């Protein structure tokens, strides 16, 4: 079975959110142990949404020169620097040190949006994937579509397969793509509602690049669960997520061509859903190798706070005041045969 994926708690009374004490107590115990002294700083950001920041990803398909000038006048600056190992010139994202959100744009059928608002750490899996023109690309859990939009800012895949198992979220994904991608290109994107655990058997060794942005215990939204019974159930089911994540990874490995790359990401700090899952897949698949992404981490260290002590094939972004990005875990693997 699938869990609901990363659904944000959105209220019209901006930032008027109530912390769920049951979830906070659970996180307090787990993350004090897993993150050590860093947890106190992280907690201060997660529990105060007024500190949260939002990046502005420009849409190359709608023209953005005037928008870039406006962003600069409002104190925004480019997030991505030339020192990154992979940085297409068409991928442009702006951030501000100040908390808050640039005005959102409403969906208008037939009209492209000029930008996408997102947690800047969401771009790291896309940067790690390093998509190039003409490649066969699969996004296994693609809704709500921000990472898919970012991929298409970087390159023109030969085939881009965006999959989303949940029906409601699949409609959300389609709307996102319609809002940002012009008709000639959107017609070349395959959107499906497959169980991600079956894609490997359905499409063996088809893809050059695969993103598994897995269902996870979304730490930001779970902290503000409005229903304490739902929150308690989520915490009880939490230990089952790693099994689902591992199944999705096994399926993705089957779907990946020899020589192809796979990026796994979550928006949780949980070791059980992050490095433990990656260690399990590496230990059980002799045709997988870890890929060093430490250079990407070094190039982004000015804008992101990364957990120290991680392995070279993984990064974990920790939010702190003034750099309120994450949580975002990223790991990269390569199939050798």
Foldseek 3Di string as FASTA:
>chain_A
DDDDFDDFDDDPVPQPFDFQVVLVVVCVVQCCVVQPPLVVQLCVPLVRLQLAWKKKWFFLVQDDPVVVVVCVVVAKDWQADPLAPADAPLTTMITHLHHDDDDDDDQDQPEADGIDIDQVVLCVLLSVQRDEEAFFEEELAQPLPPSVSNNVSRYQYVEYEYEHQDPVRLVNNVSNCSRRPDDVRVVRYHYYNDLLLCQLVVAFQAGQEYEDADGADQSSRLRRDPDNVVSVVCVVCRLVRLVSSLSNVVSVLRNHHAFHKYKYKYQDPDCSNAVVSVVVNCVVDVQKDWDFNVSNVVSNVVQFPWRPPDDRQKTATRAGRSNRGTRMIMGMMHGHD
